[in-house]
Amino acid sequence: ISRDNAKNTVYLQMNSLKPEDTAVYYCAGRSGFGMMELLTAP
């Protein structure tokens, strides 16, 4: 994962993809900071 704040864009580079990676991928945003339990949960 990476981000370019000048371009207002976040990226997800996915290499060595596996069939189990098949899914709908969603990006999500959270204002400010957060503890791990929140940053890793929908």
ModelCIF file with pLDDT and N, C-alpha, C, O atoms, coordinates in Angstrom:
data_MODEL
#
_entry.id   MODEL 
#
_entity.id                         1 
_entity.type                       polymer 
_entity.pdbx_number_of_molecules   1 
#
_entity_poly.entity_id                      1 
_entity_poly.type                           'polypeptide(L)' 
_entity_poly.nstd_linkage                   no 
_entity_poly.nstd_monomer                   no 
_entity_poly.pdbx_seq_one_letter_code       ISRDNAKNTVYLQMNSLKPEDTAVYYCAGRSGFGMMELLTAP 
_entity_poly.pdbx_seq_one_letter_code_can   ISRDNAKNTVYLQMNSLKPEDTAVYYCAGRSGFGMMELLTAP 
_entity_poly.pdbx_strand_id                 A 
#
loop_
_entity_poly_seq.entity_id 
_entity_poly_seq.num 
_entity_poly_seq.mon_id 
_entity_poly_seq.hetero 
1 1  ILE n 
1 2  SER n 
1 3  ARG n 
1 4  ASP n 
1 5  ASN n 
1 6  ALA n 
1 7  LYS n 
1 8  ASN n 
1 9  THR n 
1 10 VAL n 
1 11 TYR n 
1 12 LEU n 
1 13 GLN n 
1 14 MET n 
1 15 ASN n 
1 16 SER n 
1 17 LEU n 
1 18 LYS n 
1 19 PRO n 
1 20 GLU n 
1 21 ASP n 
1 22 THR n 
1 23 ALA n 
1 24 VAL n 
1 25 TYR n 
1 26 TYR n 
1 27 CYS n 
1 28 ALA n 
1 29 GLY n 
1 30 ARG n 
1 31 SER n 
1 32 GLY n 
1 33 PHE n 
1 34 GLY n 
1 35 MET n 
1 36 MET n 
1 37 GLU n 
1 38 LEU n 
1 39 LEU n 
1 40 THR n 
1 41 ALA n 
1 42 PRO n 
#
_struct_asym.id          A 
_struct_asym.entity_id   1 
#
loop_
_ma_qa_metric.id 
_ma_qa_metric.mode 
_ma_qa_metric.name 
_ma_qa_metric.software_group_id 
_ma_qa_metric.type 
1 global pLDDT . pLDDT 
2 local  pLDDT . pLDDT 
#
_ma_qa_metric_global.metric_id      1 
_ma_qa_metric_global.metric_value   95.19 
_ma_qa_metric_global.model_id       1 
_ma_qa_metric_global.ordinal_id     1 
#
loop_
_ma_qa_metric_local.label_asym_id 
_ma_qa_metric_local.label_comp_id 
_ma_qa_metric_local.label_seq_id 
_ma_qa_metric_local.metric_id 
_ma_qa_metric_local.metric_value 
_ma_qa_metric_local.model_id 
_ma_qa_metric_local.ordinal_id 
A ILE 1  2 98.00 1 1  
A SER 2  2 98.00 1 2  
A ARG 3  2 98.00 1 3  
A ASP 4  2 97.00 1 4  
A ASN 5  2 95.00 1 5  
A ALA 6  2 96.00 1 6  
A LYS 7  2 96.00 1 7  
A ASN 8  2 96.00 1 8  
A THR 9  2 97.00 1 9  
A VAL 10 2 98.00 1 10 
A TYR 11 2 98.00 1 11 
A LEU 12 2 98.00 1 12 
A GLN 13 2 98.00 1 13 
A MET 14 2 98.00 1 14 
A ASN 15 2 98.00 1 15 
A SER 16 2 98.00 1 16 
A LEU 17 2 98.00 1 17 
A LYS 18 2 98.00 1 18 
A PRO 19 2 97.00 1 19 
A GLU 20 2 97.00 1 20 
A ASP 21 2 98.00 1 21 
A THR 22 2 98.00 1 22 
A ALA 23 2 98.00 1 23 
A VAL 24 2 98.00 1 24 
A TYR 25 2 98.00 1 25 
A TYR 26 2 98.00 1 26 
A CYS 27 2 98.00 1 27 
A ALA 28 2 98.00 1 28 
A GLY 29 2 97.00 1 29 
A ARG 30 2 95.00 1 30 
A SER 31 2 92.00 1 31 
A GLY 32 2 80.00 1 32 
A PHE 33 2 79.00 1 33 
A GLY 34 2 80.00 1 34 
A MET 35 2 89.00 1 35 
A MET 36 2 90.00 1 36 
A GLU 37 2 91.00 1 37 
A LEU 38 2 92.00 1 38 
A LEU 39 2 94.00 1 39 
A THR 40 2 96.00 1 40 
A ALA 41 2 96.00 1 41 
A PRO 42 2 96.00 1 42 
#
loop_
_atom_site.group_PDB 
_atom_site.id 
_atom_site.type_symbol 
_atom_site.label_atom_id 
_atom_site.label_alt_id 
_atom_site.label_comp_id 
_atom_site.label_asym_id 
_atom_site.label_entity_id 
_atom_site.label_seq_id 
_atom_site.pdbx_PDB_ins_code 
_atom_site.Cartn_x 
_atom_site.Cartn_y 
_atom_site.Cartn_z 
_atom_site.occupancy 
_atom_site.B_iso_or_equiv 
_atom_site.pdbx_formal_charge 
_atom_site.auth_seq_id 
_atom_site.auth_comp_id 
_atom_site.auth_asym_id 
_atom_site.auth_atom_id 
_atom_site.pdbx_PDB_model_num 
ATOM 1   N N  . ILE A 1 1  ? 0.856   -1.187  0.000  1.00 98.00 ? 1  ILE A N  1 
ATOM 2   C CA . ILE A 1 1  ? 0.000   0.000   0.000  1.00 98.00 ? 1  ILE A CA 1 
ATOM 3   C C  . ILE A 1 1  ? 0.889   1.233   0.000  1.00 98.00 ? 1  ILE A C  1 
ATOM 4   O O  . ILE A 1 1  ? 1.953   1.241   0.619  1.00 98.00 ? 1  ILE A O  1 
ATOM 5   N N  . SER A 1 2  ? 0.453   2.264   -0.691 1.00 98.00 ? 2  SER A N  1 
ATOM 6   C CA . SER A 1 2  ? 1.179   3.531   -0.702 1.00 98.00 ? 2  SER A CA 1 
ATOM 7   C C  . SER A 1 2  ? 0.169   4.642   -0.954 1.00 98.00 ? 2  SER A C  1 
ATOM 8   O O  . SER A 1 2  ? -0.966  4.390   -1.358 1.00 98.00 ? 2  SER A O  1 
ATOM 9   N N  . ARG A 1 3  ? 0.597   5.861   -0.709 1.00 98.00 ? 3  ARG A N  1 
ATOM 10  C CA . ARG A 1 3  ? -0.282  6.989   -0.955 1.00 98.00 ? 3  ARG A CA 1 
ATOM 11  C C  . ARG A 1 3  ? 0.531   8.170   -1.456 1.00 98.00 ? 3  ARG A C  1 
ATOM 12  O O  . ARG A 1 3  ? 1.707   8.331   -1.128 1.00 98.00 ? 3  ARG A O  1 
ATOM 13  N N  . ASP A 1 4  ? -0.134  8.991   -2.261 1.00 97.00 ? 4  ASP A N  1 
ATOM 14  C CA . ASP A 1 4  ? 0.464   10.225  -2.755 1.00 97.00 ? 4  ASP A CA 1 
ATOM 15  C C  . ASP A 1 4  ? -0.499  11.340  -2.358 1.00 97.00 ? 4  ASP A C  1 
ATOM 16  O O  . ASP A 1 4  ? -1.520  11.555  -3.012 1.00 97.00 ? 4  ASP A O  1 
ATOM 17  N N  . ASN A 1 5  ? -0.168  12.032  -1.297 1.00 95.00 ? 5  ASN A N  1 
ATOM 18  C CA . ASN A 1 5  ? -1.080  13.067  -0.807 1.00 95.00 ? 5  ASN A CA 1 
ATOM 19  C C  . ASN A 1 5  ? -1.184  14.252  -1.772 1.00 95.00 ? 5  ASN A C  1 
ATOM 20  O O  . ASN A 1 5  ? -2.179  14.977  -1.754 1.00 95.00 ? 5  ASN A O  1 
ATOM 21  N N  . ALA A 1 6  ? -0.179  14.449  -2.599 1.00 96.00 ? 6  ALA A N  1 
ATOM 22  C CA . ALA A 1 6  ? -0.246  15.529  -3.588 1.00 96.00 ? 6  ALA A CA 1 
ATOM 23  C C  . ALA A 1 6  ? -1.248  15.202  -4.691 1.00 96.00 ? 6  ALA A C  1 
ATOM 24  O O  . ALA A 1 6  ? -1.824  16.100  -5.305 1.00 96.00 ? 6  ALA A O  1 
ATOM 25  N N  . LYS A 1 7  ? -1.449  13.905  -4.935 1.00 96.00 ? 7  LYS A N  1 
ATOM 26  C CA . LYS A 1 7  ? -2.379  13.469  -5.981 1.00 96.00 ? 7  LYS A CA 1 
ATOM 27  C C  . LYS A 1 7  ? -3.692  12.955  -5.403 1.00 96.00 ? 7  LYS A C  1 
ATOM 28  O O  . LYS A 1 7  ? -4.568  12.504  -6.140 1.00 96.00 ? 7  LYS A O  1 
ATOM 29  N N  . ASN A 1 8  ? -3.824  13.025  -4.074 1.00 96.00 ? 8  ASN A N  1 
ATOM 30  C CA . ASN A 1 8  ? -5.050  12.528  -3.431 1.00 96.00 ? 8  ASN A CA 1 
ATOM 31  C C  . ASN A 1 8  ? -5.377  11.100  -3.875 1.00 96.00 ? 8  ASN A C  1 
ATOM 32  O O  . ASN A 1 8  ? -6.510  10.802  -4.255 1.00 96.00 ? 8  ASN A O  1 
ATOM 33  N N  . THR A 1 9  ? -4.397  10.245  -3.825 1.00 97.00 ? 9  THR A N  1 
ATOM 34  C CA . THR A 1 9  ? -4.586  8.884   -4.307 1.00 97.00 ? 9  THR A CA 1 
ATOM 35  C C  . THR A 1 9  ? -3.882  7.896   -3.392 1.00 97.00 ? 9  THR A C  1 
ATOM 36  O O  . THR A 1 9  ? -2.782  8.150   -2.903 1.00 97.00 ? 9  THR A O  1 
ATOM 37  N N  . VAL A 1 10 ? -4.533  6.773   -3.174 1.00 98.00 ? 10 VAL A N  1 
ATOM 38  C CA . VAL A 1 10 ? -3.925  5.655   -2.461 1.00 98.00 ? 10 VAL A CA 1 
ATOM 39  C C  . VAL A 1 10 ? -3.878  4.477   -3.420 1.00 98.00 ? 10 VAL A C  1 
ATOM 40  O O  . VAL A 1 10 ? -4.786  4.274   -4.226 1.00 98.00 ? 10 VAL A O  1 
ATOM 41  N N  . TYR A 1 11 ? -2.811  3.711   -3.317 1.00 98.00 ? 11 TYR A N  1 
ATOM 42  C CA . TYR A 1 11 ? -2.577  2.607   -4.236 1.00 98.00 ? 11 TYR A CA 1 
ATOM 43  C C  . TYR A 1 11 ? -2.458  1.289   -3.476 1.00 98.00 ? 11 TYR A C  1 
ATOM 44  O O  . TYR A 1 11 ? -2.093  1.247   -2.301 1.00 98.00 ? 11 TYR A O  1 
ATOM 45  N N  . LEU A 1 12 ? -2.781  0.217   -4.194 1.00 98.00 ? 12 LEU A N  1 
ATOM 46  C CA . LEU A 1 12 ? -2.528  -1.121  -3.672 1.00 98.00 ? 12 LEU A CA 1 
ATOM 47  C C  . LEU A 1 12 ? -1.879  -1.923  -4.794 1.00 98.00 ? 12 LEU A C  1 
ATOM 48  O O  . LEU A 1 12 ? -2.542  -2.332  -5.747 1.00 98.00 ? 12 LEU A O  1 
ATOM 49  N N  . GLN A 1 13 ? -0.585  -2.139  -4.667 1.00 98.00 ? 13 GLN A N  1 
ATOM 50  C CA . GLN A 1 13 ? 0.143   -2.967  -5.619 1.00 98.00 ? 13 GLN A CA 1 
ATOM 51  C C  . GLN A 1 13 ? 0.045   -4.415  -5.165 1.00 98.00 ? 13 GLN A C  1 
ATOM 52  O O  . GLN A 1 13 ? 0.449   -4.758  -4.054 1.00 98.00 ? 13 GLN A O  1 
ATOM 53  N N  . MET A 1 14 ? -0.490  -5.254  -6.028 1.00 98.00 ? 14 MET A N  1 
ATOM 54  C CA . MET A 1 14 ? -0.703  -6.657  -5.688 1.00 98.00 ? 14 MET A CA 1 
ATOM 55  C C  . MET A 1 14 ? 0.128   -7.524  -6.614 1.00 98.00 ? 14 MET A C  1 
ATOM 56  O O  . MET A 1 14 ? -0.102  -7.553  -7.823 1.00 98.00 ? 14 MET A O  1 
ATOM 57  N N  . ASN A 1 15 ? 1.085   -8.224  -6.052 1.00 98.00 ? 15 ASN A N  1 
ATOM 58  C CA . ASN A 1 15 ? 1.955   -9.120  -6.808 1.00 98.00 ? 15 ASN A CA 1 
ATOM 59  C C  . ASN A 1 15 ? 1.731   -10.565 -6.383 1.00 98.00 ? 15 ASN A C  1 
ATOM 60  O O  . ASN A 1 15 ? 1.130   -10.833 -5.342 1.00 98.00 ? 15 ASN A O  1 
ATOM 61  N N  . SER A 1 16 ? 2.214   -11.475 -7.188 1.00 98.00 ? 16 SER A N  1 
ATOM 62  C CA . SER A 1 16 ? 2.103   -12.913 -6.887 1.00 98.00 ? 16 SER A CA 1 
ATOM 63  C C  . SER A 1 16 ? 0.676   -13.274 -6.486 1.00 98.00 ? 16 SER A C  1 
ATOM 64  O O  . SER A 1 16 ? 0.448   -13.944 -5.479 1.00 98.00 ? 16 SER A O  1 
ATOM 65  N N  . LEU A 1 17 ? -0.264  -12.822 -7.283 1.00 98.00 ? 17 LEU A N  1 
ATOM 66  C CA . LEU A 1 17 ? -1.666  -13.032 -6.951 1.00 98.00 ? 17 LEU A CA 1 
ATOM 67  C C  . LEU A 1 17 ? -2.037  -14.510 -6.974 1.00 98.00 ? 17 LEU A C  1 
ATOM 68  O O  . LEU A 1 17 ? -1.515  -15.297 -7.764 1.00 98.00 ? 17 LEU A O  1 
ATOM 69  N N  . LYS A 1 18 ? -2.953  -14.852 -6.085 1.00 98.00 ? 18 LYS A N  1 
ATOM 70  C CA . LYS A 1 18 ? -3.418  -16.217 -5.942 1.00 98.00 ? 18 LYS A CA 1 
ATOM 71  C C  . LYS A 1 18 ? -4.930  -16.258 -6.184 1.00 98.00 ? 18 LYS A C  1 
ATOM 72  O O  . LYS A 1 18 ? -5.607  -15.243 -6.020 1.00 98.00 ? 18 LYS A O  1 
ATOM 73  N N  . PRO A 1 19 ? -5.459  -17.410 -6.568 1.00 97.00 ? 19 PRO A N  1 
ATOM 74  C CA . PRO A 1 19 ? -6.918  -17.502 -6.754 1.00 97.00 ? 19 PRO A CA 1 
ATOM 75  C C  . PRO A 1 19 ? -7.693  -17.079 -5.508 1.00 97.00 ? 19 PRO A C  1 
ATOM 76  O O  . PRO A 1 19 ? -8.788  -16.528 -5.625 1.00 97.00 ? 19 PRO A O  1 
ATOM 77  N N  . GLU A 1 20 ? -7.157  -17.319 -4.346 1.00 97.00 ? 20 GLU A N  1 
ATOM 78  C CA . GLU A 1 20 ? -7.855  -16.931 -3.112 1.00 97.00 ? 20 GLU A CA 1 
ATOM 79  C C  . GLU A 1 20 ? -7.874  -15.420 -2.865 1.00 97.00 ? 20 GLU A C  1 
ATOM 80  O O  . GLU A 1 20 ? -8.519  -14.953 -1.927 1.00 97.00 ? 20 GLU A O  1 
ATOM 81  N N  . ASP A 1 21 ? -7.173  -14.664 -3.699 1.00 98.00 ? 21 ASP A N  1 
ATOM 82  C CA . ASP A 1 21 ? -7.248  -13.207 -3.624 1.00 98.00 ? 21 ASP A CA 1 
ATOM 83  C C  . ASP A 1 21 ? -8.455  -12.662 -4.385 1.00 98.00 ? 21 ASP A C  1 
ATOM 84  O O  . ASP A 1 21 ? -8.739  -11.466 -4.329 1.00 98.00 ? 21 ASP A O  1 
ATOM 85  N N  . THR A 1 22 ? -9.155  -13.528 -5.087 1.00 98.00 ? 22 THR A N  1 
ATOM 86  C CA . THR A 1 22 ? -10.330 -13.106 -5.842 1.00 98.00 ? 22 THR A CA 1 
ATOM 87  C C  . THR A 1 22 ? -11.394 -12.542 -4.915 1.00 98.00 ? 22 THR A C  1 
ATOM 88  O O  . THR A 1 22 ? -11.822 -13.204 -3.970 1.00 98.00 ? 22 THR A O  1 
ATOM 89  N N  . ALA A 1 23 ? -11.814 -11.318 -5.192 1.00 98.00 ? 23 ALA A N  1 
ATOM 90  C CA . ALA A 1 23 ? -12.787 -10.618 -4.349 1.00 98.00 ? 23 ALA A CA 1 
ATOM 91  C C  . ALA A 1 23 ? -13.092 -9.260  -4.959 1.00 98.00 ? 23 ALA A C  1 
ATOM 92  O O  . ALA A 1 23 ? -12.440 -8.822  -5.907 1.00 98.00 ? 23 ALA A O  1 
ATOM 93  N N  . VAL A 1 24 ? -14.087 -8.613  -4.399 1.00 98.00 ? 24 VAL A N  1 
ATOM 94  C CA . VAL A 1 24 ? -14.289 -7.189  -4.656 1.00 98.00 ? 24 VAL A CA 1 
ATOM 95  C C  . VAL A 1 24 ? -13.438 -6.431  -3.643 1.00 98.00 ? 24 VAL A C  1 
ATOM 96  O O  . VAL A 1 24 ? -13.530 -6.668  -2.438 1.00 98.00 ? 24 VAL A O  1 
ATOM 97  N N  . TYR A 1 25 ? -12.627 -5.537  -4.133 1.00 98.00 ? 25 TYR A N  1 
ATOM 98  C CA . TYR A 1 25 ? -11.739 -4.761  -3.281 1.00 98.00 ? 25 TYR A CA 1 
ATOM 99  C C  . TYR A 1 25 ? -12.311 -3.369  -3.082 1.00 98.00 ? 25 TYR A C  1 
ATOM 100 O O  . TYR A 1 25 ? -12.720 -2.704  -4.033 1.00 98.00 ? 25 TYR A O  1 
ATOM 101 N N  . TYR A 1 26 ? -12.332 -2.943  -1.825 1.00 98.00 ? 26 TYR A N  1 
ATOM 102 C CA . TYR A 1 26 ? -12.869 -1.645  -1.462 1.00 98.00 ? 26 TYR A CA 1 
ATOM 103 C C  . TYR A 1 26 ? -11.808 -0.794  -0.790 1.00 98.00 ? 26 TYR A C  1 
ATOM 104 O O  . TYR A 1 26 ? -11.055 -1.281  0.054  1.00 98.00 ? 26 TYR A O  1 
ATOM 105 N N  . CYS A 1 27 ? -11.747 0.471   -1.161 1.00 98.00 ? 27 CYS A N  1 
ATOM 106 C CA . CYS A 1 27 ? -10.940 1.383   -0.368 1.00 98.00 ? 27 CYS A CA 1 
ATOM 107 C C  . CYS A 1 27 ? -11.845 2.091   0.613  1.00 98.00 ? 27 CYS A C  1 
ATOM 108 O O  . CYS A 1 27 ? -13.036 2.274   0.364  1.00 98.00 ? 27 CYS A O  1 
ATOM 109 N N  . ALA A 1 28 ? -11.267 2.484   1.726  1.00 98.00 ? 28 ALA A N  1 
ATOM 110 C CA . ALA A 1 28 ? -12.034 3.102   2.798  1.00 98.00 ? 28 ALA A CA 1 
ATOM 111 C C  . ALA A 1 28 ? -11.192 4.186   3.458  1.00 98.00 ? 28 ALA A C  1 
ATOM 112 O O  . ALA A 1 28 ? -9.964  4.108   3.486  1.00 98.00 ? 28 ALA A O  1 
ATOM 113 N N  . GLY A 1 29 ? -11.871 5.192   3.986  1.00 97.00 ? 29 GLY A N  1 
ATOM 114 C CA . GLY A 1 29 ? -11.185 6.296   4.624  1.00 97.00 ? 29 GLY A CA 1 
ATOM 115 C C  . GLY A 1 29 ? -11.673 6.535   6.035  1.00 97.00 ? 29 GLY A C  1 
ATOM 116 O O  . GLY A 1 29 ? -12.852 6.361   6.346  1.00 97.00 ? 29 GLY A O  1 
ATOM 117 N N  . ARG A 1 30 ? -10.738 6.939   6.886  1.00 95.00 ? 30 ARG A N  1 
ATOM 118 C CA . ARG A 1 30 ? -11.057 7.240   8.286  1.00 95.00 ? 30 ARG A CA 1 
ATOM 119 C C  . ARG A 1 30 ? -10.366 8.542   8.640  1.00 95.00 ? 30 ARG A C  1 
ATOM 120 O O  . ARG A 1 30 ? -9.159  8.691   8.448  1.00 95.00 ? 30 ARG A O  1 
ATOM 121 N N  . SER A 1 31 ? -11.144 9.488   9.160  1.00 92.00 ? 31 SER A N  1 
ATOM 122 C CA . SER A 1 31 ? -10.575 10.779  9.522  1.00 92.00 ? 31 SER A CA 1 
ATOM 123 C C  . SER A 1 31 ? -9.661  10.650  10.729 1.00 92.00 ? 31 SER A C  1 
ATOM 124 O O  . SER A 1 31 ? -10.043 10.078  11.750 1.00 92.00 ? 31 SER A O  1 
ATOM 125 N N  . GLY A 1 32 ? -8.461  11.180  10.607 1.00 80.00 ? 32 GLY A N  1 
ATOM 126 C CA . GLY A 1 32 ? -7.552  11.260  11.747 1.00 80.00 ? 32 GLY A CA 1 
ATOM 127 C C  . GLY A 1 32 ? -6.923  9.939   12.114 1.00 80.00 ? 32 GLY A C  1 
ATOM 128 O O  . GLY A 1 32 ? -6.682  9.086   11.260 1.00 80.00 ? 32 GLY A O  1 
ATOM 129 N N  . PHE A 1 33 ? -6.659  9.780   13.399 1.00 79.00 ? 33 PHE A N  1 
ATOM 130 C CA . PHE A 1 33 ? -5.938  8.627   13.905 1.00 79.00 ? 33 PHE A CA 1 
ATOM 131 C C  . PHE A 1 33 ? -6.903  7.559   14.398 1.00 79.00 ? 33 PHE A C  1 
ATOM 132 O O  . PHE A 1 33 ? -8.116  7.766   14.442 1.00 79.00 ? 33 PHE A O  1 
ATOM 133 N N  . GLY A 1 34 ? -6.352  6.441   14.759 1.00 80.00 ? 34 GLY A N  1 
ATOM 134 C CA . GLY A 1 34 ? -7.175  5.373   15.311 1.00 80.00 ? 34 GLY A CA 1 
ATOM 135 C C  . GLY A 1 34 ? -6.308  4.257   15.834 1.00 80.00 ? 34 GLY A C  1 
ATOM 136 O O  . GLY A 1 34 ? -5.173  4.070   15.397 1.00 80.00 ? 34 GLY A O  1 
ATOM 137 N N  . MET A 1 35 ? -6.855  3.521   16.775 1.00 89.00 ? 35 MET A N  1 
ATOM 138 C CA . MET A 1 35 ? -6.134  2.374   17.306 1.00 89.00 ? 35 MET A CA 1 
ATOM 139 C C  . MET A 1 35 ? -6.212  1.220   16.310 1.00 89.00 ? 35 MET A C  1 
ATOM 140 O O  . MET A 1 35 ? -7.064  1.201   15.422 1.00 89.00 ? 35 MET A O  1 
ATOM 141 N N  . MET A 1 36 ? -5.312  0.268   16.478 1.00 90.00 ? 36 MET A N  1 
ATOM 142 C CA . MET A 1 36 ? -5.222  -0.854  15.555 1.00 90.00 ? 36 MET A CA 1 
ATOM 143 C C  . MET A 1 36 ? -6.555  -1.554  15.377 1.00 90.00 ? 36 MET A C  1 
ATOM 144 O O  . MET A 1 36 ? -6.911  -1.925  14.259 1.00 90.00 ? 36 MET A O  1 
ATOM 145 N N  . GLU A 1 37 ? -7.296  -1.740  16.453 1.00 91.00 ? 37 GLU A N  1 
ATOM 146 C CA . GLU A 1 37 ? -8.542  -2.495  16.346 1.00 91.00 ? 37 GLU A CA 1 
ATOM 147 C C  . GLU A 1 37 ? -9.555  -1.796  15.459 1.00 91.00 ? 37 GLU A C  1 
ATOM 148 O O  . GLU A 1 37 ? -10.427 -2.451  14.886 1.00 91.00 ? 37 GLU A O  1 
ATOM 149 N N  . LEU A 1 38 ? -9.459  -0.486  15.334 1.00 92.00 ? 38 LEU A N  1 
ATOM 150 C CA . LEU A 1 38 ? -10.351 0.248   14.447 1.00 92.00 ? 38 LEU A CA 1 
ATOM 151 C C  . LEU A 1 38 ? -9.787  0.326   13.034 1.00 92.00 ? 38 LEU A C  1 
ATOM 152 O O  . LEU A 1 38 ? -10.543 0.254   12.065 1.00 92.00 ? 38 LEU A O  1 
ATOM 153 N N  . LEU A 1 39 ? -8.495  0.468   12.906 1.00 94.00 ? 39 LEU A N  1 
ATOM 154 C CA . LEU A 1 39 ? -7.885  0.592   11.585 1.00 94.00 ? 39 LEU A CA 1 
ATOM 155 C C  . LEU A 1 39 ? -7.939  -0.715  10.802 1.00 94.00 ? 39 LEU A C  1 
ATOM 156 O O  . LEU A 1 39 ? -7.777  -0.715  9.582  1.00 94.00 ? 39 LEU A O  1 
ATOM 157 N N  . THR A 1 40 ? -8.166  -1.824  11.493 1.00 96.00 ? 40 THR A N  1 
ATOM 158 C CA . THR A 1 40 ? -8.213  -3.124  10.830 1.00 96.00 ? 40 THR A CA 1 
ATOM 159 C C  . THR A 1 40 ? -9.629  -3.690  10.746 1.00 96.00 ? 40 THR A C  1 
ATOM 160 O O  . THR A 1 40 ? -9.804  -4.870  10.443 1.00 96.00 ? 40 THR A O  1 
ATOM 161 N N  . ALA A 1 41 ? -10.630 -2.872  11.008 1.00 96.00 ? 41 ALA A N  1 
ATOM 162 C CA . ALA A 1 41 ? -12.020 -3.338  10.991 1.00 96.00 ? 41 ALA A CA 1 
ATOM 163 C C  . ALA A 1 41 ? -12.883 -2.421  10.140 1.00 96.00 ? 41 ALA A C  1 
ATOM 164 O O  . ALA A 1 41 ? -12.678 -1.207  10.143 1.00 96.00 ? 41 ALA A O  1 
ATOM 165 N N  . PRO A 1 42 ? -13.850 -2.980  9.408  1.00 96.00 ? 42 PRO A N  1 
ATOM 166 C CA . PRO A 1 42 ? -14.733 -2.131  8.599  1.00 96.00 ? 42 PRO A CA 1 
ATOM 167 C C  . PRO A 1 42 ? -15.410 -1.039  9.421  1.00 96.00 ? 42 PRO A C  1 
ATOM 168 O O  . PRO A 1 42 ? -16.182 -0.248  8.880  1.00 96.00 ? 42 PRO A O  1 
#
